[in-house]
Amino acid sequence: MSERDLFVVTAPSGTGKTTLIRRLLADLDGIDFSVSYTTRPRRPGETEGVDYHFVDRAAFDRMVGDGGFLEWAEVHGQRYGTSARLVDASLAAGRDVLLDVDTQGAASVRRLRAGAVLIFILPPDFGALERRLRERGLESEEAIERRLRNARAEVEHVKEFDYVVINDSLDDALTRLEAIVVAHRGRLSRQRQACEKILATFRK
């Protein structure tokens, strides 16, 4: 079986990452989205195994102790983590996997899976990010300021990533993001078996 890729997408809140990921998954076949584990209670309308895998703190801690996560973090008192078993199962089944994690999570994944493809999504500038966060109208001023502070720190990690996609236009950014995935699928290491079959027809 040819190798498959683990794509890790990171961006400051408000950059449009979630929308880009949803559209990419709708457009491209053969790629699974990694559903995180969390200790956060399920909210109305959320589905187990689709939005998150919901577990209690004890179960989560057992997974941490067993080395069950590629990355995990505690956010606002609740824990979130990416299951190594589920990621590896998708890869073994011949499917690419896409993770949506923060910069710390991306660094952890890179340590454990050296071949992971790290993609950072940037807004066109700080002012555009601030406008997007305020226009959403979903959060308090305090929450917006916290996200902006976090963004200032997060963007400094962009140099640790393999690719950067600037979301100045959603359609253009989607094209660039999909191009990264498609290009990696065309690498010789992934196409080796298909190439050998074709080359064999030239050797008869």
N, C-alpha and C. Protein backbone atom coordinates (compact mmCIF):
# COMPACT_ATOMS: atom_id res chain seq x y z
N MET A 1 0.85 -1.21 0.00
CA MET A 1 0.00 0.00 0.00
C MET A 1 0.88 1.25 0.00
N SER A 2 0.55 2.21 -0.85
CA SER A 2 1.32 3.44 -0.87
C SER A 2 1.04 4.25 0.38
N GLU A 3 1.99 5.10 0.74
CA GLU A 3 1.84 5.87 1.96
C GLU A 3 0.72 6.89 1.84
N ARG A 4 0.19 7.27 2.98
CA ARG A 4 -0.83 8.31 3.03
C ARG A 4 -0.31 9.45 3.88
N ASP A 5 -0.97 10.60 3.80
CA ASP A 5 -0.47 11.80 4.46
C ASP A 5 -1.34 12.23 5.63
N LEU A 6 -0.67 12.80 6.62
CA LEU A 6 -1.33 13.40 7.77
C LEU A 6 -1.16 14.91 7.63
N PHE A 7 -2.26 15.60 7.35
CA PHE A 7 -2.25 17.05 7.18
C PHE A 7 -2.71 17.73 8.47
N VAL A 8 -1.94 18.70 8.92
CA VAL A 8 -2.24 19.42 10.15
C VAL A 8 -2.49 20.88 9.80
N VAL A 9 -3.69 21.38 10.09
CA VAL A 9 -4.06 22.75 9.74
C VAL A 9 -4.22 23.57 11.02
N THR A 10 -3.57 24.71 11.05
CA THR A 10 -3.57 25.59 12.21
C THR A 10 -3.82 27.03 11.75
N ALA A 11 -4.53 27.80 12.58
CA ALA A 11 -4.78 29.21 12.26
C ALA A 11 -5.29 29.92 13.50
N PRO A 12 -5.06 31.21 13.60
CA PRO A 12 -5.69 31.98 14.68
C PRO A 12 -7.21 31.96 14.52
N SER A 13 -7.91 32.04 15.64
CA SER A 13 -9.37 32.09 15.61
C SER A 13 -9.86 33.27 14.79
N GLY A 14 -10.82 33.00 13.89
CA GLY A 14 -11.37 34.06 13.06
C GLY A 14 -10.75 34.14 11.68
N THR A 15 -9.80 33.25 11.38
CA THR A 15 -9.12 33.28 10.09
C THR A 15 -9.92 32.60 8.98
N GLY A 16 -10.90 31.78 9.36
CA GLY A 16 -11.70 31.07 8.36
C GLY A 16 -11.30 29.63 8.20
N LYS A 17 -10.53 29.12 9.15
CA LYS A 17 -10.01 27.75 9.07
C LYS A 17 -11.14 26.72 8.99
N THR A 18 -12.13 26.84 9.86
CA THR A 18 -13.21 25.84 9.90
C THR A 18 -13.95 25.77 8.57
N THR A 19 -14.26 26.92 7.99
CA THR A 19 -14.95 26.95 6.70
C THR A 19 -14.10 26.32 5.61
N LEU A 20 -12.80 26.64 5.60
CA LEU A 20 -11.91 26.08 4.59
C LEU A 20 -11.82 24.56 4.72
N ILE A 21 -11.71 24.07 5.94
CA ILE A 21 -11.62 22.62 6.15
C ILE A 21 -12.89 21.93 5.69
N ARG A 22 -14.04 22.49 6.03
CA ARG A 22 -15.31 21.87 5.62
C ARG A 22 -15.43 21.81 4.10
N ARG A 23 -15.03 22.87 3.44
CA ARG A 23 -15.13 22.88 1.98
C ARG A 23 -14.13 21.93 1.35
N LEU A 24 -12.93 21.85 1.91
CA LEU A 24 -11.94 20.92 1.38
C LEU A 24 -12.43 19.49 1.51
N LEU A 25 -12.98 19.13 2.67
CA LEU A 25 -13.48 17.77 2.88
C LEU A 25 -14.63 17.45 1.94
N ALA A 26 -15.43 18.46 1.60
CA ALA A 26 -16.54 18.24 0.67
C ALA A 26 -16.04 18.08 -0.76
N ASP A 27 -14.93 18.73 -1.09
CA ASP A 27 -14.42 18.73 -2.46
C ASP A 27 -13.53 17.53 -2.79
N LEU A 28 -12.76 17.06 -1.82
CA LEU A 28 -11.76 16.04 -2.08
C LEU A 28 -12.16 14.71 -1.45
N ASP A 29 -11.99 13.64 -2.19
CA ASP A 29 -12.25 12.29 -1.68
C ASP A 29 -11.00 11.74 -0.99
N GLY A 30 -11.20 10.70 -0.20
CA GLY A 30 -10.07 9.97 0.36
C GLY A 30 -9.37 10.64 1.51
N ILE A 31 -10.06 11.57 2.19
CA ILE A 31 -9.43 12.25 3.33
C ILE A 31 -10.42 12.28 4.49
N ASP A 32 -9.96 11.84 5.65
CA ASP A 32 -10.79 11.82 6.86
C ASP A 32 -10.43 12.98 7.76
N PHE A 33 -11.45 13.52 8.42
CA PHE A 33 -11.21 14.54 9.45
C PHE A 33 -11.11 13.85 10.79
N SER A 34 -10.07 14.14 11.54
CA SER A 34 -9.87 13.51 12.84
C SER A 34 -10.77 14.18 13.88
N VAL A 35 -11.69 13.42 14.43
CA VAL A 35 -12.61 13.92 15.45
C VAL A 35 -11.94 13.81 16.82
N SER A 36 -11.84 14.91 17.51
CA SER A 36 -11.11 14.95 18.78
C SER A 36 -11.90 14.31 19.92
N TYR A 37 -11.17 13.87 20.92
CA TYR A 37 -11.76 13.47 22.20
C TYR A 37 -11.85 14.71 23.08
N THR A 38 -12.86 14.78 23.92
CA THR A 38 -12.98 15.90 24.85
C THR A 38 -13.69 15.49 26.13
N THR A 39 -13.34 16.17 27.20
CA THR A 39 -14.04 16.00 28.47
C THR A 39 -15.18 17.00 28.60
N ARG A 40 -15.33 17.86 27.61
CA ARG A 40 -16.41 18.85 27.67
C ARG A 40 -17.77 18.17 27.51
N PRO A 41 -18.77 18.59 28.29
CA PRO A 41 -20.11 18.00 28.13
C PRO A 41 -20.67 18.24 26.73
N ARG A 42 -21.44 17.29 26.27
CA ARG A 42 -22.05 17.42 24.95
C ARG A 42 -23.10 18.53 24.98
N ARG A 43 -23.08 19.37 23.95
CA ARG A 43 -24.06 20.46 23.83
C ARG A 43 -25.25 20.02 22.99
N PRO A 44 -26.38 20.68 23.14
CA PRO A 44 -27.55 20.33 22.32
C PRO A 44 -27.21 20.37 20.83
N GLY A 45 -27.61 19.33 20.11
CA GLY A 45 -27.36 19.27 18.68
C GLY A 45 -26.06 18.59 18.30
N GLU A 46 -25.17 18.37 19.27
CA GLU A 46 -23.90 17.70 18.97
C GLU A 46 -24.09 16.18 18.95
N THR A 47 -23.30 15.51 18.11
CA THR A 47 -23.41 14.07 17.92
C THR A 47 -22.10 13.41 18.29
N GLU A 48 -22.18 12.35 19.09
CA GLU A 48 -21.01 11.57 19.47
C GLU A 48 -20.35 10.99 18.21
N GLY A 49 -19.03 11.17 18.12
CA GLY A 49 -18.30 10.63 16.99
C GLY A 49 -18.30 11.51 15.76
N VAL A 50 -19.12 12.55 15.77
CA VAL A 50 -19.17 13.48 14.64
C VAL A 50 -18.56 14.82 15.06
N ASP A 51 -19.08 15.39 16.14
CA ASP A 51 -18.53 16.64 16.64
C ASP A 51 -17.30 16.37 17.51
N TYR A 52 -17.44 15.44 18.45
CA TYR A 52 -16.36 15.01 19.32
C TYR A 52 -16.63 13.58 19.76
N HIS A 53 -15.60 12.96 20.35
CA HIS A 53 -15.78 11.76 21.15
C HIS A 53 -15.82 12.24 22.60
N PHE A 54 -16.97 12.11 23.22
CA PHE A 54 -17.16 12.65 24.56
C PHE A 54 -16.81 11.60 25.61
N VAL A 55 -15.84 11.91 26.50
CA VAL A 55 -15.42 11.00 27.55
C VAL A 55 -15.28 11.77 28.85
N ASP A 56 -15.28 11.03 29.97
CA ASP A 56 -15.07 11.70 31.25
C ASP A 56 -13.58 11.90 31.50
N ARG A 57 -13.27 12.65 32.55
CA ARG A 57 -11.87 12.98 32.83
C ARG A 57 -11.02 11.73 33.09
N ALA A 58 -11.59 10.75 33.78
CA ALA A 58 -10.84 9.54 34.10
C ALA A 58 -10.45 8.79 32.83
N ALA A 59 -11.39 8.66 31.89
CA ALA A 59 -11.09 7.96 30.64
C ALA A 59 -10.05 8.73 29.83
N PHE A 60 -10.17 10.04 29.82
CA PHE A 60 -9.20 10.87 29.09
C PHE A 60 -7.81 10.70 29.70
N ASP A 61 -7.74 10.73 31.03
CA ASP A 61 -6.45 10.60 31.70
C ASP A 61 -5.82 9.24 31.44
N ARG A 62 -6.65 8.19 31.34
CA ARG A 62 -6.11 6.87 31.01
C ARG A 62 -5.48 6.88 29.62
N MET A 63 -6.14 7.55 28.67
CA MET A 63 -5.58 7.64 27.32
C MET A 63 -4.27 8.40 27.32
N VAL A 64 -4.20 9.46 28.12
CA VAL A 64 -2.94 10.21 28.23
C VAL A 64 -1.84 9.30 28.76
N GLY A 65 -2.16 8.57 29.84
CA GLY A 65 -1.18 7.68 30.45
C GLY A 65 -0.72 6.57 29.54
N ASP A 66 -1.62 6.12 28.67
CA ASP A 66 -1.30 5.03 27.73
C ASP A 66 -0.64 5.53 26.45
N GLY A 67 -0.39 6.83 26.37
CA GLY A 67 0.19 7.39 25.15
C GLY A 67 -0.78 7.37 23.98
N GLY A 68 -2.06 7.50 24.29
CA GLY A 68 -3.10 7.37 23.27
C GLY A 68 -3.33 8.59 22.41
N PHE A 69 -2.70 9.71 22.74
CA PHE A 69 -2.94 10.94 21.99
C PHE A 69 -1.69 11.39 21.23
N LEU A 70 -1.91 11.83 19.99
CA LEU A 70 -0.83 12.49 19.26
C LEU A 70 -0.57 13.87 19.84
N GLU A 71 -1.63 14.49 20.33
CA GLU A 71 -1.52 15.79 21.00
C GLU A 71 -2.76 15.96 21.86
N TRP A 72 -2.60 16.71 22.95
CA TRP A 72 -3.76 17.06 23.77
C TRP A 72 -3.47 18.34 24.52
N ALA A 73 -4.54 19.00 24.93
CA ALA A 73 -4.39 20.27 25.64
C ALA A 73 -5.60 20.49 26.52
N GLU A 74 -5.41 21.33 27.53
CA GLU A 74 -6.53 21.74 28.39
C GLU A 74 -6.88 23.18 28.06
N VAL A 75 -8.14 23.41 27.73
CA VAL A 75 -8.62 24.73 27.34
C VAL A 75 -9.85 25.07 28.17
N HIS A 76 -9.77 26.15 28.92
CA HIS A 76 -10.89 26.60 29.76
C HIS A 76 -11.41 25.47 30.65
N GLY A 77 -10.49 24.70 31.21
CA GLY A 77 -10.86 23.67 32.16
C GLY A 77 -11.29 22.34 31.57
N GLN A 78 -11.35 22.26 30.24
CA GLN A 78 -11.72 21.00 29.58
C GLN A 78 -10.56 20.53 28.70
N ARG A 79 -10.46 19.21 28.55
CA ARG A 79 -9.36 18.64 27.78
C ARG A 79 -9.82 18.19 26.39
N TYR A 80 -8.90 18.34 25.45
CA TYR A 80 -9.15 17.97 24.05
C TYR A 80 -7.93 17.23 23.54
N GLY A 81 -8.14 16.15 22.78
CA GLY A 81 -6.99 15.40 22.29
C GLY A 81 -7.27 14.67 20.98
N THR A 82 -6.21 14.40 20.24
CA THR A 82 -6.27 13.68 18.96
C THR A 82 -5.82 12.24 19.16
N SER A 83 -6.69 11.30 18.89
CA SER A 83 -6.40 9.89 19.10
C SER A 83 -5.39 9.36 18.09
N ALA A 84 -4.28 8.84 18.58
CA ALA A 84 -3.28 8.24 17.70
C ALA A 84 -3.86 6.99 17.01
N ARG A 85 -4.66 6.22 17.75
CA ARG A 85 -5.21 4.98 17.20
C ARG A 85 -6.13 5.26 16.02
N LEU A 86 -7.02 6.26 16.15
CA LEU A 86 -7.95 6.55 15.08
C LEU A 86 -7.24 7.13 13.86
N VAL A 87 -6.26 7.98 14.09
CA VAL A 87 -5.49 8.54 12.98
C VAL A 87 -4.77 7.43 12.23
N ASP A 88 -4.10 6.55 12.98
CA ASP A 88 -3.34 5.48 12.34
C ASP A 88 -4.26 4.49 11.62
N ALA A 89 -5.47 4.29 12.15
CA ALA A 89 -6.42 3.39 11.50
C ALA A 89 -6.84 3.94 10.14
N SER A 90 -7.10 5.22 10.06
CA SER A 90 -7.46 5.83 8.77
C SER A 90 -6.31 5.75 7.78
N LEU A 91 -5.10 6.04 8.25
CA LEU A 91 -3.93 5.96 7.37
C LEU A 91 -3.72 4.54 6.86
N ALA A 92 -3.89 3.56 7.77
CA ALA A 92 -3.71 2.16 7.39
C ALA A 92 -4.78 1.71 6.40
N ALA A 93 -5.95 2.35 6.44
CA ALA A 93 -7.03 2.01 5.52
C ALA A 93 -6.85 2.69 4.16
N GLY A 94 -5.74 3.41 3.99
CA GLY A 94 -5.45 4.03 2.71
C GLY A 94 -6.10 5.39 2.53
N ARG A 95 -6.35 6.08 3.63
CA ARG A 95 -6.97 7.41 3.56
C ARG A 95 -6.04 8.44 4.19
N ASP A 96 -6.03 9.64 3.62
CA ASP A 96 -5.33 10.75 4.25
C ASP A 96 -6.13 11.19 5.48
N VAL A 97 -5.47 11.91 6.38
CA VAL A 97 -6.13 12.40 7.59
C VAL A 97 -5.81 13.88 7.75
N LEU A 98 -6.81 14.65 8.15
CA LEU A 98 -6.64 16.08 8.39
C LEU A 98 -6.95 16.39 9.86
N LEU A 99 -6.03 17.10 10.50
CA LEU A 99 -6.21 17.53 11.89
C LEU A 99 -6.39 19.03 11.95
N ASP A 100 -7.23 19.48 12.86
CA ASP A 100 -7.43 20.90 13.15
C ASP A 100 -6.97 21.13 14.58
N VAL A 101 -5.74 21.66 14.74
CA VAL A 101 -5.16 21.83 16.07
C VAL A 101 -4.47 23.19 16.17
N ASP A 102 -4.08 23.55 17.39
CA ASP A 102 -3.37 24.81 17.58
C ASP A 102 -1.87 24.61 17.36
N THR A 103 -1.10 25.66 17.54
CA THR A 103 0.34 25.58 17.25
C THR A 103 1.05 24.59 18.15
N GLN A 104 0.63 24.52 19.41
CA GLN A 104 1.24 23.57 20.34
C GLN A 104 0.94 22.14 19.90
N GLY A 105 -0.32 21.90 19.50
CA GLY A 105 -0.70 20.58 19.02
C GLY A 105 0.05 20.19 17.76
N ALA A 106 0.24 21.15 16.86
CA ALA A 106 0.97 20.88 15.62
C ALA A 106 2.41 20.46 15.92
N ALA A 107 3.03 21.14 16.88
CA ALA A 107 4.40 20.79 17.25
C ALA A 107 4.47 19.38 17.83
N SER A 108 3.48 19.01 18.63
CA SER A 108 3.43 17.68 19.22
C SER A 108 3.27 16.61 18.14
N VAL A 109 2.38 16.87 17.18
CA VAL A 109 2.17 15.92 16.09
C VAL A 109 3.45 15.75 15.29
N ARG A 110 4.15 16.84 15.00
CA ARG A 110 5.40 16.78 14.24
C ARG A 110 6.44 15.94 14.97
N ARG A 111 6.48 16.03 16.30
CA ARG A 111 7.45 15.23 17.06
C ARG A 111 7.15 13.73 16.94
N LEU A 112 5.86 13.37 16.95
CA LEU A 112 5.46 11.97 16.93
C LEU A 112 5.28 11.41 15.53
N ARG A 113 5.00 12.26 14.57
CA ARG A 113 4.80 11.85 13.18
C ARG A 113 5.60 12.81 12.31
N ALA A 114 6.87 12.48 12.14
CA ALA A 114 7.80 13.41 11.48
C ALA A 114 7.36 13.77 10.06
N GLY A 115 6.62 12.88 9.41
CA GLY A 115 6.20 13.15 8.04
C GLY A 115 4.93 13.96 7.91
N ALA A 116 4.36 14.40 9.03
CA ALA A 116 3.13 15.20 8.97
C ALA A 116 3.35 16.48 8.18
N VAL A 117 2.33 16.89 7.43
CA VAL A 117 2.39 18.10 6.61
C VAL A 117 1.70 19.22 7.36
N LEU A 118 2.45 20.23 7.78
CA LEU A 118 1.92 21.31 8.61
C LEU A 118 1.58 22.53 7.76
N ILE A 119 0.32 22.97 7.87
CA ILE A 119 -0.19 24.09 7.06
C ILE A 119 -0.73 25.17 7.98
N PHE A 120 -0.25 26.38 7.81
CA PHE A 120 -0.70 27.52 8.63
C PHE A 120 -1.54 28.45 7.77
N ILE A 121 -2.72 28.79 8.25
CA ILE A 121 -3.59 29.71 7.53
C ILE A 121 -3.51 31.08 8.20
N LEU A 122 -3.15 32.08 7.42
CA LEU A 122 -3.00 33.45 7.91
C LEU A 122 -4.11 34.35 7.37
N PRO A 123 -4.57 35.31 8.17
CA PRO A 123 -5.43 36.37 7.62
C PRO A 123 -4.57 37.32 6.82
N PRO A 124 -5.16 38.18 5.99
CA PRO A 124 -4.34 39.11 5.21
C PRO A 124 -3.57 40.10 6.07
N ASP A 125 -4.10 40.44 7.24
CA ASP A 125 -3.39 41.30 8.18
C ASP A 125 -4.16 41.30 9.51
N PHE A 126 -3.58 41.92 10.53
CA PHE A 126 -4.19 41.92 11.86
C PHE A 126 -5.54 42.63 11.85
N GLY A 127 -5.62 43.74 11.11
CA GLY A 127 -6.87 44.49 11.06
C GLY A 127 -8.02 43.67 10.49
N ALA A 128 -7.73 42.87 9.46
CA ALA A 128 -8.77 42.03 8.87
C ALA A 128 -9.25 40.98 9.87
N LEU A 129 -8.31 40.41 10.62
CA LEU A 129 -8.69 39.42 11.63
C LEU A 129 -9.58 40.06 12.70
N GLU A 130 -9.20 41.23 13.15
CA GLU A 130 -10.00 41.91 14.17
C GLU A 130 -11.40 42.21 13.66
N ARG A 131 -11.51 42.67 12.40
CA ARG A 131 -12.83 42.95 11.82
C ARG A 131 -13.68 41.69 11.76
N ARG A 132 -13.08 40.58 11.34
CA ARG A 132 -13.83 39.33 11.23
C ARG A 132 -14.36 38.89 12.59
N LEU A 133 -13.53 38.99 13.61
CA LEU A 133 -13.96 38.57 14.94
C LEU A 133 -15.09 39.45 15.45
N ARG A 134 -15.01 40.75 15.20
CA ARG A 134 -16.05 41.65 15.68
C ARG A 134 -17.34 41.51 14.87
N GLU A 135 -17.21 41.28 13.57
CA GLU A 135 -18.40 41.17 12.73
C GLU A 135 -19.19 39.90 13.00
N ARG A 136 -18.54 38.89 13.57
CA ARG A 136 -19.27 37.67 13.92
C ARG A 136 -20.31 37.94 15.00
N GLY A 137 -19.98 38.88 15.88
CA GLY A 137 -20.93 39.26 16.92
C GLY A 137 -21.29 38.14 17.89
N LEU A 138 -20.36 37.24 18.11
CA LEU A 138 -20.66 36.06 18.93
C LEU A 138 -20.07 36.14 20.32
N GLU A 139 -19.14 37.07 20.55
CA GLU A 139 -18.40 37.05 21.80
C GLU A 139 -18.32 38.42 22.44
N SER A 140 -17.98 38.42 23.72
CA SER A 140 -17.81 39.66 24.46
C SER A 140 -16.53 40.35 24.03
N GLU A 141 -16.42 41.60 24.38
CA GLU A 141 -15.20 42.35 24.08
C GLU A 141 -13.99 41.69 24.73
N GLU A 142 -14.17 41.20 25.94
CA GLU A 142 -13.07 40.52 26.64
C GLU A 142 -12.61 39.28 25.87
N ALA A 143 -13.56 38.52 25.37
CA ALA A 143 -13.21 37.30 24.62
C ALA A 143 -12.50 37.64 23.31
N ILE A 144 -12.98 38.70 22.65
CA ILE A 144 -12.33 39.12 21.40
C ILE A 144 -10.89 39.56 21.66
N GLU A 145 -10.70 40.34 22.70
CA GLU A 145 -9.35 40.80 23.02
C GLU A 145 -8.44 39.63 23.36
N ARG A 146 -8.98 38.62 24.05
CA ARG A 146 -8.18 37.43 24.37
C ARG A 146 -7.77 36.69 23.10
N ARG A 147 -8.71 36.55 22.15
CA ARG A 147 -8.39 35.87 20.89
C ARG A 147 -7.34 36.66 20.09
N LEU A 148 -7.44 37.97 20.13
CA LEU A 148 -6.46 38.78 19.41
C LEU A 148 -5.07 38.67 20.04
N ARG A 149 -5.03 38.64 21.37
CA ARG A 149 -3.73 38.44 22.04
C ARG A 149 -3.14 37.09 21.67
N ASN A 150 -4.00 36.06 21.68
CA ASN A 150 -3.53 34.73 21.30
C ASN A 150 -3.02 34.71 19.86
N ALA A 151 -3.73 35.42 18.99
CA ALA A 151 -3.34 35.44 17.58
C ALA A 151 -1.95 36.04 17.39
N ARG A 152 -1.65 37.11 18.14
CA ARG A 152 -0.34 37.74 18.03
C ARG A 152 0.78 36.73 18.35
N ALA A 153 0.53 35.87 19.33
CA ALA A 153 1.53 34.86 19.70
C ALA A 153 1.55 33.71 18.69
N GLU A 154 0.37 33.29 18.22
CA GLU A 154 0.28 32.14 17.33
C GLU A 154 0.98 32.38 16.00
N VAL A 155 0.81 33.57 15.43
CA VAL A 155 1.38 33.81 14.09
C VAL A 155 2.90 33.78 14.10
N GLU A 156 3.52 33.94 15.26
CA GLU A 156 4.97 33.88 15.33
C GLU A 156 5.50 32.47 15.08
N HIS A 157 4.62 31.47 15.11
CA HIS A 157 5.04 30.09 14.87
C HIS A 157 4.98 29.70 13.39
N VAL A 158 4.57 30.62 12.53
CA VAL A 158 4.35 30.27 11.12
C VAL A 158 5.61 29.69 10.47
N LYS A 159 6.77 30.14 10.92
CA LYS A 159 8.03 29.66 10.33
C LYS A 159 8.30 28.20 10.63
N GLU A 160 7.54 27.60 11.56
CA GLU A 160 7.73 26.19 11.90
C GLU A 160 6.89 25.28 11.00
N PHE A 161 6.10 25.86 10.11
CA PHE A 161 5.18 25.10 9.28
C PHE A 161 5.76 24.90 7.88
N ASP A 162 5.20 23.91 7.17
CA ASP A 162 5.68 23.60 5.82
C ASP A 162 5.07 24.52 4.77
N TYR A 163 3.82 24.90 4.98
CA TYR A 163 3.09 25.72 4.01
C TYR A 163 2.32 26.81 4.74
N VAL A 164 2.10 27.91 4.02
CA VAL A 164 1.23 28.96 4.52
C VAL A 164 0.20 29.28 3.44
N VAL A 165 -1.05 29.43 3.88
CA VAL A 165 -2.14 29.83 3.00
C VAL A 165 -2.71 31.13 3.55
N ILE A 166 -2.69 32.18 2.74
CA ILE A 166 -3.23 33.48 3.17
C ILE A 166 -4.69 33.55 2.74
N ASN A 167 -5.57 33.70 3.72
CA ASN A 167 -7.00 33.72 3.42
C ASN A 167 -7.46 35.17 3.18
N ASP A 168 -7.05 35.70 2.03
CA ASP A 168 -7.51 37.02 1.64
C ASP A 168 -8.83 36.93 0.88
N SER A 169 -9.06 35.79 0.24
CA SER A 169 -10.31 35.47 -0.45
C SER A 169 -10.58 34.00 -0.17
N LEU A 170 -11.78 33.68 0.31
CA LEU A 170 -12.07 32.30 0.71
C LEU A 170 -11.88 31.33 -0.45
N ASP A 171 -12.38 31.68 -1.63
CA ASP A 171 -12.26 30.78 -2.78
C ASP A 171 -10.81 30.57 -3.18
N ASP A 172 -10.03 31.66 -3.18
CA ASP A 172 -8.61 31.55 -3.55
C ASP A 172 -7.85 30.74 -2.50
N ALA A 173 -8.16 30.97 -1.23
CA ALA A 173 -7.49 30.24 -0.17
C ALA A 173 -7.81 28.75 -0.25
N LEU A 174 -9.06 28.43 -0.57
CA LEU A 174 -9.45 27.03 -0.72
C LEU A 174 -8.68 26.38 -1.87
N THR A 175 -8.55 27.09 -2.97
CA THR A 175 -7.79 26.56 -4.11
C THR A 175 -6.35 26.26 -3.71
N ARG A 176 -5.73 27.16 -2.96
CA ARG A 176 -4.35 26.95 -2.53
C ARG A 176 -4.24 25.78 -1.54
N LEU A 177 -5.20 25.69 -0.61
CA LEU A 177 -5.18 24.61 0.36
C LEU A 177 -5.36 23.26 -0.33
N GLU A 178 -6.30 23.18 -1.26
CA GLU A 178 -6.51 21.93 -1.98
C GLU A 178 -5.30 21.58 -2.84
N ALA A 179 -4.62 22.59 -3.38
CA ALA A 179 -3.44 22.34 -4.20
C ALA A 179 -2.34 21.68 -3.40
N ILE A 180 -2.21 22.05 -2.13
CA ILE A 180 -1.20 21.43 -1.27
C ILE A 180 -1.50 19.94 -1.11
N VAL A 181 -2.75 19.61 -0.84
CA VAL A 181 -3.14 18.21 -0.66
C VAL A 181 -2.92 17.43 -1.95
N VAL A 182 -3.38 17.97 -3.06
CA VAL A 182 -3.26 17.28 -4.34
C VAL A 182 -1.79 17.09 -4.73
N ALA A 183 -0.96 18.10 -4.49
CA ALA A 183 0.46 17.98 -4.82
C ALA A 183 1.13 16.87 -4.03
N HIS A 184 0.79 16.76 -2.76
CA HIS A 184 1.39 15.70 -1.94
C HIS A 184 0.93 14.33 -2.41
N ARG A 185 -0.26 14.24 -2.91
CA ARG A 185 -0.74 12.96 -3.42
C ARG A 185 0.00 12.54 -4.69
N GLY A 186 0.65 13.49 -5.36
CA GLY A 186 1.36 13.18 -6.59
C GLY A 186 2.82 12.82 -6.39
N ARG A 187 3.29 12.79 -5.14
CA ARG A 187 4.69 12.45 -4.90
C ARG A 187 5.00 11.02 -5.34
N LEU A 188 6.23 10.81 -5.78
CA LEU A 188 6.63 9.48 -6.24
C LEU A 188 6.43 8.43 -5.17
N SER A 189 6.72 8.78 -3.91
CA SER A 189 6.59 7.80 -2.83
C SER A 189 5.15 7.30 -2.70
N ARG A 190 4.19 8.14 -3.06
CA ARG A 190 2.79 7.73 -3.00
C ARG A 190 2.34 7.02 -4.27
N GLN A 191 3.00 7.32 -5.38
CA GLN A 191 2.60 6.77 -6.66
C GLN A 191 3.48 5.60 -7.11
N ARG A 192 4.34 5.13 -6.21
CA ARG A 192 5.33 4.13 -6.60
C ARG A 192 4.68 2.86 -7.15
N GLN A 193 3.66 2.34 -6.48
CA GLN A 193 3.03 1.11 -6.95
C GLN A 193 2.38 1.30 -8.32
N ALA A 194 1.67 2.41 -8.48
CA ALA A 194 1.05 2.68 -9.78
C ALA A 194 2.10 2.83 -10.86
N CYS A 195 3.21 3.50 -10.51
CA CYS A 195 4.29 3.68 -11.49
C CYS A 195 4.90 2.35 -11.90
N GLU A 196 5.10 1.46 -10.93
CA GLU A 196 5.70 0.17 -11.23
C GLU A 196 4.83 -0.63 -12.18
N LYS A 197 3.52 -0.56 -12.01
CA LYS A 197 2.60 -1.28 -12.90
C LYS A 197 2.69 -0.72 -14.31
N ILE A 198 2.76 0.61 -14.42
CA ILE A 198 2.86 1.23 -15.74
C ILE A 198 4.21 0.91 -16.38
N LEU A 199 5.29 1.02 -15.59
CA LEU A 199 6.62 0.76 -16.14
C LEU A 199 6.76 -0.68 -16.60
N ALA A 200 6.07 -1.58 -15.88
CA ALA A 200 6.14 -2.99 -16.26
C ALA A 200 5.61 -3.21 -17.68
N THR A 201 4.65 -2.40 -18.11
CA THR A 201 4.10 -2.56 -19.47
C THR A 201 5.09 -2.12 -20.53
N PHE A 202 6.08 -1.32 -20.14
CA PHE A 202 7.11 -0.87 -21.08
C PHE A 202 8.24 -1.88 -21.20
N ARG A 203 8.28 -2.82 -20.28
CA ARG A 203 9.41 -3.76 -20.23
C ARG A 203 9.09 -5.09 -20.88
N LYS A 204 7.93 -5.24 -21.42
CA LYS A 204 7.54 -6.52 -22.02
C LYS A 204 8.21 -6.67 -23.39
